[in-house]
Amino acid sequence: MIPELMKRGINEVCFYNVAGSPIGRKSVAGVADSFDVEQFHVVVSADQAENIFDYIYRFCDLSRPNKGFINMNKLSRSTQLDLPDLNDIANEEISD
């Protein structure tokens, strides 16, 4: 999933695994009743959100029962990082 998102210019992805047991059952390490879940968070601009949501839904085949789900939220905080154009910096250094 992450390489496919990166091909679409999405580089803000956090991926991790979670292990657990069904709710109501006592969890014991190493017992076959436990399960692993893959989770990832994707940060995109508001105008990309619906398209990326649809892409992930189709790519992960989430229309099938018990395949997974998507939770979509607004970012509560974000910091924009604007890098200077390297061509402008090179021209400024030459003119100084």
PDB file of N, CA and C in Angstrom:
ATOM      1  N   MET A   1       0.817  -1.190   0.000  1.00  0.00           N
ATOM      2  CA  MET A   1       0.000   0.000   0.000  1.00  0.00           C
ATOM      3  C   MET A   1       0.864   1.259   0.000  1.00  0.00           C
ATOM      4  N   ILE A   2       1.871   1.314   0.848  1.00  0.00           N
ATOM      5  CA  ILE A   2       2.687   2.525   0.947  1.00  0.00           C
ATOM      6  C   ILE A   2       3.397   2.837  -0.365  1.00  0.00           C
ATOM      7  N   PRO A   3       4.042   1.873  -1.033  1.00  0.00           N
ATOM      8  CA  PRO A   3       4.661   2.199  -2.329  1.00  0.00           C
ATOM      9  C   PRO A   3       3.650   2.727  -3.355  1.00  0.00           C
ATOM     10  N   GLU A   4       2.437   2.195  -3.326  1.00  0.00           N
ATOM     11  CA  GLU A   4       1.410   2.671  -4.259  1.00  0.00           C
ATOM     12  C   GLU A   4       1.020   4.120  -3.954  1.00  0.00           C
ATOM     13  N   LEU A   5       0.920   4.466  -2.683  1.00  0.00           N
ATOM     14  CA  LEU A   5       0.609   5.847  -2.312  1.00  0.00           C
ATOM     15  C   LEU A   5       1.758   6.772  -2.679  1.00  0.00           C
ATOM     16  N   MET A   6       2.989   6.300  -2.490  1.00  0.00           N
ATOM     17  CA  MET A   6       4.149   7.126  -2.829  1.00  0.00           C
ATOM     18  C   MET A   6       4.207   7.412  -4.330  1.00  0.00           C
ATOM     19  N   LYS A   7       3.769   6.457  -5.157  1.00  0.00           N
ATOM     20  CA  LYS A   7       3.712   6.683  -6.599  1.00  0.00           C
ATOM     21  C   LYS A   7       2.758   7.830  -6.935  1.00  0.00           C
ATOM     22  N   ARG A   8       1.795   8.069  -6.050  1.00  0.00           N
ATOM     23  CA  ARG A   8       0.814   9.136  -6.244  1.00  0.00           C
ATOM     24  C   ARG A   8       1.225  10.420  -5.529  1.00  0.00           C
ATOM     25  N   GLY A   9       2.468  10.477  -5.044  1.00  0.00           N
ATOM     26  CA  GLY A   9       2.980  11.686  -4.415  1.00  0.00           C
ATOM     27  C   GLY A   9       2.630  11.828  -2.945  1.00  0.00           C
ATOM     28  N   ILE A  10       2.107  10.783  -2.325  1.00  0.00           N
ATOM     29  CA  ILE A  10       1.757  10.822  -0.904  1.00  0.00           C
ATOM     30  C   ILE A  10       2.944  10.272  -0.124  1.00  0.00           C
ATOM     31  N   ASN A  11       3.644  11.124   0.611  1.00  0.00           N
ATOM     32  CA  ASN A  11       4.825  10.697   1.347  1.00  0.00           C
ATOM     33  C   ASN A  11       4.635  10.732   2.855  1.00  0.00           C
ATOM     34  N   GLU A  12       3.498  11.212   3.317  1.00  0.00           N
ATOM     35  CA  GLU A  12       3.252  11.301   4.753  1.00  0.00           C
ATOM     36  C   GLU A  12       2.374  10.124   5.171  1.00  0.00           C
ATOM     37  N   VAL A  13       3.034   8.981   5.392  1.00  0.00           N
ATOM     38  CA  VAL A  13       2.339   7.747   5.761  1.00  0.00           C
ATOM     39  C   VAL A  13       3.063   7.141   6.957  1.00  0.00           C
ATOM     40  N   CYS A  14       2.305   6.753   7.947  1.00  0.00           N
ATOM     41  CA  CYS A  14       2.849   6.085   9.122  1.00  0.00           C
ATOM     42  C   CYS A  14       2.226   4.698   9.192  1.00  0.00           C
ATOM     43  N   PHE A  15       3.047   3.661   9.223  1.00  0.00           N
ATOM     44  CA  PHE A  15       2.574   2.282   9.190  1.00  0.00           C
ATOM     45  C   PHE A  15       3.049   1.549  10.434  1.00  0.00           C
ATOM     46  N   TYR A  16       2.176   0.747  11.040  1.00  0.00           N
ATOM     47  CA  TYR A  16       2.576  -0.072  12.178  1.00  0.00           C
ATOM     48  C   TYR A  16       1.645  -1.264  12.311  1.00  0.00           C
ATOM     49  N   ASN A  17       2.125  -2.283  13.039  1.00  0.00           N
ATOM     50  CA  ASN A  17       1.349  -3.500  13.312  1.00  0.00           C
ATOM     51  C   ASN A  17       0.821  -3.462  14.730  1.00  0.00           C
ATOM     52  N   VAL A  18      -0.353  -4.003  14.923  1.00  0.00           N
ATOM     53  CA  VAL A  18      -0.980  -4.093  16.236  1.00  0.00           C
ATOM     54  C   VAL A  18      -1.401  -5.550  16.425  1.00  0.00           C
ATOM     55  N   ALA A  19      -1.151  -6.117  17.610  1.00  0.00           N
ATOM     56  CA  ALA A  19      -1.573  -7.486  17.912  1.00  0.00           C
ATOM     57  C   ALA A  19      -2.598  -7.434  19.026  1.00  0.00           C
ATOM     58  N   GLY A  20      -3.520  -8.369  19.015  1.00  0.00           N
ATOM     59  CA  GLY A  20      -4.536  -8.369  20.062  1.00  0.00           C
ATOM     60  C   GLY A  20      -5.356  -9.638  20.085  1.00  0.00           C
ATOM     61  N   SER A  21      -6.375  -9.636  20.910  1.00  0.00           N
ATOM     62  CA  SER A  21      -7.317 -10.744  21.040  1.00  0.00           C
ATOM     63  C   SER A  21      -8.728 -10.186  20.925  1.00  0.00           C
ATOM     64  N   PRO A  22      -9.671 -11.013  20.528  1.00  0.00           N
ATOM     65  CA  PRO A  22     -11.057 -10.534  20.446  1.00  0.00           C
ATOM     66  C   PRO A  22     -11.539  -9.991  21.796  1.00  0.00           C
ATOM     67  N   ILE A  23     -12.394  -8.998  21.774  1.00  0.00           N
ATOM     68  CA  ILE A  23     -12.926  -8.387  22.987  1.00  0.00           C
ATOM     69  C   ILE A  23     -13.664  -9.439  23.808  1.00  0.00           C
ATOM     70  N   GLY A  24     -13.420  -9.451  25.116  1.00  0.00           N
ATOM     71  CA  GLY A  24     -14.098 -10.381  26.005  1.00  0.00           C
ATOM     72  C   GLY A  24     -13.345 -11.671  26.248  1.00  0.00           C
ATOM     73  N   ARG A  25     -12.242 -11.866  25.543  1.00  0.00           N
ATOM     74  CA  ARG A  25     -11.444 -13.081  25.751  1.00  0.00           C
ATOM     75  C   ARG A  25     -10.140 -12.716  26.440  1.00  0.00           C
ATOM     76  N   LYS A  26      -9.727 -13.562  27.343  1.00  0.00           N
ATOM     77  CA  LYS A  26      -8.476 -13.353  28.047  1.00  0.00           C
ATOM     78  C   LYS A  26      -7.320 -13.513  27.064  1.00  0.00           C
ATOM     79  N   SER A  27      -6.403 -12.572  27.061  1.00  0.00           N
ATOM     80  CA  SER A  27      -5.284 -12.653  26.129  1.00  0.00           C
ATOM     81  C   SER A  27      -4.098 -13.345  26.797  1.00  0.00           C
ATOM     82  N   VAL A  28      -3.518 -14.287  26.084  1.00  0.00           N
ATOM     83  CA  VAL A  28      -2.349 -15.015  26.549  1.00  0.00           C
ATOM     84  C   VAL A  28      -1.319 -14.967  25.428  1.00  0.00           C
ATOM     85  N   ALA A  29      -0.096 -14.539  25.776  1.00  0.00           N
ATOM     86  CA  ALA A  29       0.955 -14.417  24.766  1.00  0.00           C
ATOM     87  C   ALA A  29       1.193 -15.749  24.067  1.00  0.00           C
ATOM     88  N   GLY A  30       1.294 -15.729  22.761  1.00  0.00           N
ATOM     89  CA  GLY A  30       1.602 -16.909  21.977  1.00  0.00           C
ATOM     90  C   GLY A  30       0.420 -17.808  21.662  1.00  0.00           C
ATOM     91  N   VAL A  31      -0.768 -17.436  22.094  1.00  0.00           N
ATOM     92  CA  VAL A  31      -1.953 -18.245  21.831  1.00  0.00           C
ATOM     93  C   VAL A  31      -2.458 -17.947  20.418  1.00  0.00           C
ATOM     94  N   ALA A  32      -2.869 -18.982  19.722  1.00  0.00           N
ATOM     95  CA  ALA A  32      -3.290 -18.840  18.329  1.00  0.00           C
ATOM     96  C   ALA A  32      -4.542 -17.996  18.165  1.00  0.00           C
ATOM     97  N   ASP A  33      -5.255 -17.702  19.256  1.00  0.00           N
ATOM     98  CA  ASP A  33      -6.488 -16.925  19.170  1.00  0.00           C
ATOM     99  C   ASP A  33      -6.218 -15.432  18.950  1.00  0.00           C
ATOM    100  N   SER A  34      -4.967 -15.021  19.087  1.00  0.00           N
ATOM    101  CA  SER A  34      -4.648 -13.614  18.882  1.00  0.00           C
ATOM    102  C   SER A  34      -4.555 -13.327  17.384  1.00  0.00           C
ATOM    103  N   PHE A  35      -4.560 -12.059  17.032  1.00  0.00           N
ATOM    104  CA  PHE A  35      -4.518 -11.667  15.631  1.00  0.00           C
ATOM    105  C   PHE A  35      -3.611 -10.450  15.459  1.00  0.00           C
ATOM    106  N   ASP A  36      -3.131 -10.263  14.260  1.00  0.00           N
ATOM    107  CA  ASP A  36      -2.315  -9.098  13.921  1.00  0.00           C
ATOM    108  C   ASP A  36      -3.115  -8.193  13.007  1.00  0.00           C
ATOM    109  N   VAL A  37      -2.967  -6.911  13.229  1.00  0.00           N
ATOM    110  CA  VAL A  37      -3.662  -5.917  12.422  1.00  0.00           C
ATOM    111  C   VAL A  37      -2.626  -4.922  11.903  1.00  0.00           C
ATOM    112  N   GLU A  38      -2.724  -4.592  10.647  1.00  0.00           N
ATOM    113  CA  GLU A  38      -1.868  -3.567  10.064  1.00  0.00           C
ATOM    114  C   GLU A  38      -2.644  -2.269  10.024  1.00  0.00           C
ATOM    115  N   GLN A  39      -2.045  -1.218  10.539  1.00  0.00           N
ATOM    116  CA  GLN A  39      -2.673   0.100  10.515  1.00  0.00           C
ATOM    117  C   GLN A  39      -1.727   1.088   9.851  1.00  0.00           C
ATOM    118  N   PHE A  40      -2.303   2.048   9.165  1.00  0.00           N
ATOM    119  CA  PHE A  40      -1.483   3.135   8.654  1.00  0.00           C
ATOM    120  C   PHE A  40      -2.294   4.413   8.639  1.00  0.00           C
ATOM    121  N   HIS A  41      -1.584   5.497   8.803  1.00  0.00           N
ATOM    122  CA  HIS A  41      -2.176   6.832   8.768  1.00  0.00           C
ATOM    123  C   HIS A  41      -1.608   7.556   7.553  1.00  0.00           C
ATOM    124  N   VAL A  42      -2.475   8.212   6.830  1.00  0.00           N
ATOM    125  CA  VAL A  42      -2.082   8.941   5.633  1.00  0.00           C
ATOM    126  C   VAL A  42      -2.504  10.391   5.815  1.00  0.00           C
ATOM    127  N   VAL A  43      -1.589  11.318   5.550  1.00  0.00           N
ATOM    128  CA  VAL A  43      -1.902  12.740   5.647  1.00  0.00           C
ATOM    129  C   VAL A  43      -1.928  13.311   4.235  1.00  0.00           C
ATOM    130  N   VAL A  44      -3.079  13.864   3.865  1.00  0.00           N
ATOM    131  CA  VAL A  44      -3.234  14.488   2.544  1.00  0.00           C
ATOM    132  C   VAL A  44      -3.989  15.800   2.716  1.00  0.00           C
ATOM    133  N   SER A  45      -3.917  16.629   1.705  1.00  0.00           N
ATOM    134  CA  SER A  45      -4.671  17.882   1.742  1.00  0.00           C
ATOM    135  C   SER A  45      -6.163  17.576   1.605  1.00  0.00           C
ATOM    136  N   ALA A  46      -6.986  18.512   2.043  1.00  0.00           N
ATOM    137  CA  ALA A  46      -8.438  18.309   2.036  1.00  0.00           C
ATOM    138  C   ALA A  46      -8.967  18.020   0.637  1.00  0.00           C
ATOM    139  N   ASP A  47      -8.385  18.643  -0.382  1.00  0.00           N
ATOM    140  CA  ASP A  47      -8.889  18.428  -1.740  1.00  0.00           C
ATOM    141  C   ASP A  47      -8.504  17.048  -2.296  1.00  0.00           C
ATOM    142  N   GLN A  48      -7.548  16.360  -1.679  1.00  0.00           N
ATOM    143  CA  GLN A  48      -7.168  15.011  -2.100  1.00  0.00           C
ATOM    144  C   GLN A  48      -7.881  13.919  -1.303  1.00  0.00           C
ATOM    145  N   ALA A  49      -8.463  14.264  -0.178  1.00  0.00           N
ATOM    146  CA  ALA A  49      -8.956  13.276   0.784  1.00  0.00           C
ATOM    147  C   ALA A  49      -9.934  12.273   0.176  1.00  0.00           C
ATOM    148  N   GLU A  50     -10.936  12.735  -0.532  1.00  0.00           N
ATOM    149  CA  GLU A  50     -11.941  11.816  -1.096  1.00  0.00           C
ATOM    150  C   GLU A  50     -11.330  10.862  -2.117  1.00  0.00           C
ATOM    151  N   ASN A  51     -10.448  11.382  -2.981  1.00  0.00           N
ATOM    152  CA  ASN A  51      -9.824  10.529  -3.994  1.00  0.00           C
ATOM    153  C   ASN A  51      -8.930   9.472  -3.360  1.00  0.00           C
ATOM    154  N   ILE A  52      -8.146   9.848  -2.356  1.00  0.00           N
ATOM    155  CA  ILE A  52      -7.274   8.886  -1.684  1.00  0.00           C
ATOM    156  C   ILE A  52      -8.106   7.871  -0.907  1.00  0.00           C
ATOM    157  N   PHE A  53      -9.175   8.336  -0.268  1.00  0.00           N
ATOM    158  CA  PHE A  53     -10.088   7.429   0.427  1.00  0.00           C
ATOM    159  C   PHE A  53     -10.602   6.366  -0.541  1.00  0.00           C
ATOM    160  N   ASP A  54     -11.115   6.802  -1.699  1.00  0.00           N
ATOM    161  CA  ASP A  54     -11.636   5.861  -2.696  1.00  0.00           C
ATOM    162  C   ASP A  54     -10.549   4.910  -3.194  1.00  0.00           C
ATOM    163  N   TYR A  55      -9.348   5.443  -3.413  1.00  0.00           N
ATOM    164  CA  TYR A  55      -8.248   4.604  -3.890  1.00  0.00           C
ATOM    165  C   TYR A  55      -7.923   3.516  -2.872  1.00  0.00           C
ATOM    166  N   ILE A  56      -7.762   3.873  -1.601  1.00  0.00           N
ATOM    167  CA  ILE A  56      -7.446   2.896  -0.556  1.00  0.00           C
ATOM    168  C   ILE A  56      -8.564   1.866  -0.441  1.00  0.00           C
ATOM    169  N   TYR A  57      -9.804   2.313  -0.502  1.00  0.00           N
ATOM    170  CA  TYR A  57     -10.963   1.409  -0.415  1.00  0.00           C
ATOM    171  C   TYR A  57     -10.906   0.349  -1.509  1.00  0.00           C
ATOM    172  N   ARG A  58     -10.630   0.778  -2.737  1.00  0.00           N
ATOM    173  CA  ARG A  58     -10.565  -0.169  -3.852  1.00  0.00           C
ATOM    174  C   ARG A  58      -9.307  -1.037  -3.783  1.00  0.00           C
ATOM    175  N   PHE A  59      -8.151  -0.420  -3.505  1.00  0.00           N
ATOM    176  CA  PHE A  59      -6.881  -1.149  -3.486  1.00  0.00           C
ATOM    177  C   PHE A  59      -6.891  -2.253  -2.425  1.00  0.00           C
ATOM    178  N   CYS A  60      -7.438  -1.967  -1.255  1.00  0.00           N
ATOM    179  CA  CYS A  60      -7.478  -2.942  -0.148  1.00  0.00           C
ATOM    180  C   CYS A  60      -8.706  -3.839  -0.192  1.00  0.00           C
ATOM    181  N   ASP A  61      -9.557  -3.667  -1.195  1.00  0.00           N
ATOM    182  CA  ASP A  61     -10.758  -4.482  -1.371  1.00  0.00           C
ATOM    183  C   ASP A  61     -11.628  -4.480  -0.108  1.00  0.00           C
ATOM    184  N   LEU A  62     -11.877  -3.286   0.416  1.00  0.00           N
ATOM    185  CA  LEU A  62     -12.607  -3.145   1.675  1.00  0.00           C
ATOM    186  C   LEU A  62     -14.110  -3.361   1.536  1.00  0.00           C
ATOM    187  N   SER A  63     -14.595  -3.645   0.341  1.00  0.00           N
ATOM    188  CA  SER A  63     -16.016  -3.955   0.174  1.00  0.00           C
ATOM    189  C   SER A  63     -16.341  -5.373   0.661  1.00  0.00           C
ATOM    190  N   ARG A  64     -15.299  -6.193   0.842  1.00  0.00           N
ATOM    191  CA  ARG A  64     -15.502  -7.559   1.338  1.00  0.00           C
ATOM    192  C   ARG A  64     -15.669  -7.543   2.855  1.00  0.00           C
ATOM    193  N   PRO A  65     -16.552  -8.376   3.405  1.00  0.00           N
ATOM    194  CA  PRO A  65     -16.766  -8.412   4.851  1.00  0.00           C
ATOM    195  C   PRO A  65     -15.488  -8.767   5.626  1.00  0.00           C
ATOM    196  N   ASN A  66     -15.324  -8.121   6.774  1.00  0.00           N
ATOM    197  CA  ASN A  66     -14.198  -8.364   7.689  1.00  0.00           C
ATOM    198  C   ASN A  66     -12.832  -8.102   7.068  1.00  0.00           C
ATOM    199  N   LYS A  67     -12.780  -7.283   6.054  1.00  0.00           N
ATOM    200  CA  LYS A  67     -11.519  -6.989   5.376  1.00  0.00           C
ATOM    201  C   LYS A  67     -10.809  -5.800   6.021  1.00  0.00           C
ATOM    202  N   GLY A  68     -11.552  -4.907   6.649  1.00  0.00           N
ATOM    203  CA  GLY A  68     -10.955  -3.736   7.274  1.00  0.00           C
ATOM    204  C   GLY A  68     -11.889  -2.554   7.202  1.00  0.00           C
ATOM    205  N   PHE A  69     -11.408  -1.421   7.667  1.00  0.00           N
ATOM    206  CA  PHE A  69     -12.209  -0.206   7.604  1.00  0.00           C
ATOM    207  C   PHE A  69     -11.303   1.010   7.494  1.00  0.00           C
ATOM    208  N   ILE A  70     -11.902   2.120   7.129  1.00  0.00           N
ATOM    209  CA  ILE A  70     -11.187   3.388   7.007  1.00  0.00           C
ATOM    210  C   ILE A  70     -11.842   4.390   7.942  1.00  0.00           C
ATOM    211  N   ASN A  71     -11.024   5.111   8.645  1.00  0.00           N
ATOM    212  CA  ASN A  71     -11.489   6.193   9.498  1.00  0.00           C
ATOM    213  C   ASN A  71     -10.870   7.485   8.958  1.00  0.00           C
ATOM    214  N   MET A  72     -11.696   8.446   8.613  1.00  0.00           N
ATOM    215  CA  MET A  72     -11.211   9.681   8.013  1.00  0.00           C
ATOM    216  C   MET A  72     -11.509  10.845   8.952  1.00  0.00           C
ATOM    217  N   ASN A  73     -10.476  11.618   9.293  1.00  0.00           N
ATOM    218  CA  ASN A  73     -10.613  12.751  10.206  1.00  0.00           C
ATOM    219  C   ASN A  73      -9.897  13.972   9.663  1.00  0.00           C
ATOM    220  N   LYS A  74     -10.308  15.117  10.162  1.00  0.00           N
ATOM    221  CA  LYS A  74      -9.562  16.344   9.880  1.00  0.00           C
ATOM    222  C   LYS A  74      -8.333  16.370  10.773  1.00  0.00           C
ATOM    223  N   LEU A  75      -7.276  16.948  10.269  1.00  0.00           N
ATOM    224  CA  LEU A  75      -6.081  17.131  11.087  1.00  0.00           C
ATOM    225  C   LEU A  75      -6.345  18.217  12.116  1.00  0.00           C
ATOM    226  N   SER A  76      -5.979  17.953  13.354  1.00  0.00           N
ATOM    227  CA  SER A  76      -6.163  18.994  14.371  1.00  0.00           C
ATOM    228  C   SER A  76      -5.006  19.992  14.335  1.00  0.00           C
ATOM    229  N   ARG A  77      -3.840  19.517  13.904  1.00  0.00           N
ATOM    230  CA  ARG A  77      -2.675  20.397  13.788  1.00  0.00           C
ATOM    231  C   ARG A  77      -1.842  19.968  12.595  1.00  0.00           C
ATOM    232  N   SER A  78      -1.167  20.927  12.032  1.00  0.00           N
ATOM    233  CA  SER A  78      -0.281  20.624  10.924  1.00  0.00           C
ATOM    234  C   SER A  78       0.725  21.755  10.789  1.00  0.00           C
ATOM    235  N   THR A  79       1.891  21.414  10.338  1.00  0.00           N
ATOM    236  CA  THR A  79       2.916  22.424  10.091  1.00  0.00           C
ATOM    237  C   THR A  79       3.319  22.336   8.637  1.00  0.00           C
ATOM    238  N   GLN A  80       3.177  23.423   7.943  1.00  0.00           N
ATOM    239  CA  GLN A  80       3.558  23.446   6.543  1.00  0.00           C
ATOM    240  C   GLN A  80       5.040  23.744   6.443  1.00  0.00           C
ATOM    241  N   LEU A  81       5.748  23.008   5.636  1.00  0.00           N
ATOM    242  CA  LEU A  81       7.169  23.198   5.438  1.00  0.00           C
ATOM    243  C   LEU A  81       7.389  23.652   4.005  1.00  0.00           C
ATOM    244  N   ASP A  82       7.774  24.890   3.849  1.00  0.00           N
ATOM    245  CA  ASP A  82       8.040  25.439   2.523  1.00  0.00           C
ATOM    246  C   ASP A  82       9.540  25.538   2.323  1.00  0.00           C
ATOM    247  N   LEU A  83      10.070  24.733   1.430  1.00  0.00           N
ATOM    248  CA  LEU A  83      11.497  24.773   1.122  1.00  0.00           C
ATOM    249  C   LEU A  83      11.739  25.799   0.027  1.00  0.00           C
ATOM    250  N   PRO A  84      12.832  26.540   0.132  1.00  0.00           N
ATOM    251  CA  PRO A  84      13.122  27.527  -0.912  1.00  0.00           C
ATOM    252  C   PRO A  84      13.498  26.835  -2.217  1.00  0.00           C
ATOM    253  N   ASP A  85      13.240  27.525  -3.296  1.00  0.00           N
ATOM    254  CA  ASP A  85      13.624  27.023  -4.607  1.00  0.00           C
ATOM    255  C   ASP A  85      15.141  27.111  -4.717  1.00  0.00           C
ATOM    256  N   LEU A  86      15.799  26.001  -4.977  1.00  0.00           N
ATOM    257  CA  LEU A  86      17.262  25.978  -5.015  1.00  0.00           C
ATOM    258  C   LEU A  86      17.830  26.857  -6.112  1.00  0.00           C
ATOM    259  N   ASN A  87      17.109  27.037  -7.194  1.00  0.00           N
ATOM    260  CA  ASN A  87      17.586  27.910  -8.270  1.00  0.00           C
ATOM    261  C   ASN A  87      17.649  29.360  -7.805  1.00  0.00           C
ATOM    262  N   ASP A  88      16.682  29.811  -7.003  1.00  0.00           N
ATOM    263  CA  ASP A  88      16.687  31.172  -6.483  1.00  0.00           C
ATOM    264  C   ASP A  88      17.859  31.388  -5.535  1.00  0.00           C
ATOM    265  N   ILE A  89      18.155  30.404  -4.700  1.00  0.00           N
ATOM    266  CA  ILE A  89      19.268  30.525  -3.749  1.00  0.00           C
ATOM    267  C   ILE A  89      20.589  30.598  -4.503  1.00  0.00           C
ATOM    268  N   ALA A  90      20.759  29.790  -5.507  1.00  0.00           N
ATOM    269  CA  ALA A  90      21.999  29.803  -6.290  1.00  0.00           C
ATOM    270  C   ALA A  90      22.189  31.162  -6.952  1.00  0.00           C
ATOM    271  N   ASN A  91      21.125  31.746  -7.485  1.00  0.00           N
ATOM    272  CA  ASN A  91      21.214  33.057  -8.133  1.00  0.00           C
ATOM    273  C   ASN A  91      21.539  34.150  -7.133  1.00  0.00           C
ATOM    274  N   GLU A  92      20.987  34.088  -5.918  1.00  0.00           N
ATOM    275  CA  GLU A  92      21.278  35.083  -4.889  1.00  0.00           C
ATOM    276  C   GLU A  92      22.752  35.029  -4.465  1.00  0.00           C
ATOM    277  N   GLU A  93      23.296  33.829  -4.321  1.00  0.00           N
ATOM    278  CA  GLU A  93      24.685  33.678  -3.906  1.00  0.00           C
ATOM    279  C   GLU A  93      25.635  34.208  -4.974  1.00  0.00           C
ATOM    280  N   ILE A  94      25.294  34.020  -6.225  1.00  0.00           N
ATOM    281  CA  ILE A  94      26.140  34.506  -7.319  1.00  0.00           C
ATOM    282  C   ILE A  94      26.115  36.033  -7.357  1.00  0.00           C
ATOM    283  N   SER A  95      24.968  36.644  -7.113  1.00  0.00           N
ATOM    284  CA  SER A  95      24.843  38.093  -7.222  1.00  0.00           C
ATOM    285  C   SER A  95      25.459  38.819  -6.026  1.00  0.00           C
ATOM    286  N   ASP A  96      25.677  38.133  -4.897  1.00  0.00           N
ATOM    287  CA  ASP A  96      26.249  38.779  -3.704  1.00  0.00           C
ATOM    288  C   ASP A  96      27.689  39.014  -3.861  1.00  0.00           C
TER     289      ASP A  96
END
